[in-house]
Amino acid sequence: MSHSSLSQHSSTNPLGASNVSPLHPSGSTTMGGDLSTVSEFIVDRRLYVLYEKLRTLNPSVLTMVNALNVALANQGEVIRTCADLEAFLVAVEVFETEEALS
C-alpha cells in the first residue's frame, strides 16, 4: 500500500487547506519599507465590539479579516495586506487606550 503525502490530512489541516496566508505581505514593517500604501483605520465602539467578539470566538485569521472587512467596507477601507492588519491592530490599541478599556 502506497502512502502519498497528498492523501494525508488531519482535523487541524483538512484536505485542501493551506497554511499560506491569503493576505499579501507587501507593506512590510521592516525598516526602509514603504508604508505609504497602508490603510489608516478608525476604530469606533461598534467595530471594537465586533473585533472583541471575533477574538473571543478565536476564528482563523482569514475568517476574522473577512468579517472585519465587511464592517470596514462601510468606512471605505479593507484589510488587504499584513501591514494593513497590523495597522488595524494598532488602531484597536489606540481605541482601547483612549477609552481606557484594556
Protein backbone atom coordinates (compact mmCIF):
# COMPACT_ATOMS: atom_id res chain seq x y z
CA MET A 1 0.00 0.00 0.00
CA SER A 2 1.46 3.32 -1.06
CA HIS A 3 1.17 6.37 1.19
CA SER A 4 1.02 9.62 -0.66
CA SER A 5 1.60 12.91 1.11
CA LEU A 6 -1.39 14.26 -0.80
CA SER A 7 -3.77 11.90 0.94
CA GLN A 8 -2.60 12.76 4.45
CA HIS A 9 -4.64 15.30 6.37
CA SER A 10 -5.79 15.97 9.90
CA SER A 11 -8.54 17.84 11.66
CA THR A 12 -6.22 20.82 12.07
CA ASN A 13 -5.24 20.87 8.42
CA PRO A 14 -8.09 19.35 6.39
CA LEU A 15 -7.52 18.08 2.90
CA GLY A 16 -7.04 21.01 0.57
CA ALA A 17 -6.41 23.51 3.36
CA SER A 18 -3.43 25.78 3.04
CA ASN A 19 -1.18 27.19 5.72
CA VAL A 20 -0.33 30.11 3.45
CA SER A 21 -1.90 33.42 4.40
CA PRO A 22 -4.06 34.98 1.70
CA LEU A 23 -3.03 38.44 2.90
CA HIS A 24 -0.48 39.99 0.61
CA PRO A 25 2.76 40.55 2.53
CA SER A 26 3.53 43.88 0.85
CA GLY A 27 3.89 46.90 3.06
CA SER A 28 6.29 45.16 5.39
CA THR A 29 7.01 46.94 8.65
CA THR A 30 10.73 46.33 8.31
CA MET A 31 12.91 49.42 8.28
CA GLY A 32 13.01 51.01 4.90
CA GLY A 33 9.66 49.56 3.87
CA ASP A 34 7.21 51.88 2.12
CA LEU A 35 4.25 52.24 4.46
CA SER A 36 2.58 54.97 2.40
CA THR A 37 0.13 52.43 0.98
CA VAL A 38 -1.00 51.14 4.39
CA SER A 39 -4.59 51.99 5.21
CA GLU A 40 -5.43 54.14 8.21
CA PHE A 41 -8.24 52.67 10.24
CA ILE A 42 -10.61 54.47 12.55
CA VAL A 43 -11.96 52.15 15.22
CA ASP A 44 -15.26 53.13 16.80
CA ARG A 45 -17.17 51.31 19.54
CA ARG A 46 -19.17 49.22 17.03
CA LEU A 47 -16.03 48.00 15.26
CA TYR A 48 -14.26 47.41 18.57
CA VAL A 49 -17.16 45.28 19.87
CA LEU A 50 -17.08 43.22 16.66
CA TYR A 51 -13.31 42.76 17.00
CA GLU A 52 -13.66 41.62 20.63
CA LYS A 53 -16.46 39.18 19.78
CA LEU A 54 -14.35 37.72 16.99
CA ARG A 55 -11.35 37.42 19.30
CA THR A 56 -13.50 35.52 21.79
CA LEU A 57 -14.58 33.09 19.06
CA ASN A 58 -10.94 32.64 18.01
CA PRO A 59 -11.52 32.09 14.28
CA SER A 60 -8.77 31.73 11.70
CA VAL A 61 -7.06 34.96 10.70
CA LEU A 62 -8.71 34.77 7.28
CA THR A 63 -12.18 34.41 8.79
CA MET A 64 -11.54 37.29 11.18
CA VAL A 65 -10.21 39.55 8.42
CA ASN A 66 -13.16 38.71 6.16
CA ALA A 67 -15.63 39.57 8.94
CA LEU A 68 -13.80 42.80 9.76
CA ASN A 69 -13.69 43.73 6.07
CA VAL A 70 -17.49 43.53 5.87
CA ALA A 71 -17.73 46.10 8.66
CA LEU A 72 -14.81 48.19 7.35
CA ALA A 73 -16.38 48.44 3.89
CA ASN A 74 -18.86 50.92 5.41
CA GLN A 75 -15.88 53.22 6.03
CA GLY A 76 -14.43 52.59 2.58
CA GLU A 77 -11.49 50.62 3.99
CA VAL A 78 -10.46 46.97 3.84
CA ILE A 79 -7.61 44.90 5.24
CA ARG A 80 -5.65 43.74 2.18
CA THR A 81 -2.11 43.21 3.45
CA CYS A 82 -0.33 42.05 6.57
CA ALA A 83 0.69 45.68 7.11
CA ASP A 84 -3.00 46.70 6.91
CA LEU A 85 -3.82 44.11 9.57
CA GLU A 86 -1.02 45.43 11.77
CA ALA A 87 -2.29 48.99 11.27
CA PHE A 88 -5.80 47.88 12.22
CA LEU A 89 -4.48 46.24 15.41
CA VAL A 90 -2.63 49.46 16.29
CA ALA A 91 -5.89 51.38 15.78
CA VAL A 92 -7.61 48.93 18.16
CA GLU A 93 -4.89 49.55 20.75
CA VAL A 94 -5.29 53.32 20.35
CA PHE A 95 -9.05 52.97 20.82
CA GLU A 96 -8.52 50.85 23.96
CA THR A 97 -6.12 53.44 25.37
CA GLU A 98 -8.38 56.38 24.59
CA GLU A 99 -11.41 54.61 26.03
CA ALA A 100 -9.39 53.07 28.92
CA LEU A 101 -10.68 49.59 28.01
CA SER A 102 -7.56 47.48 28.39
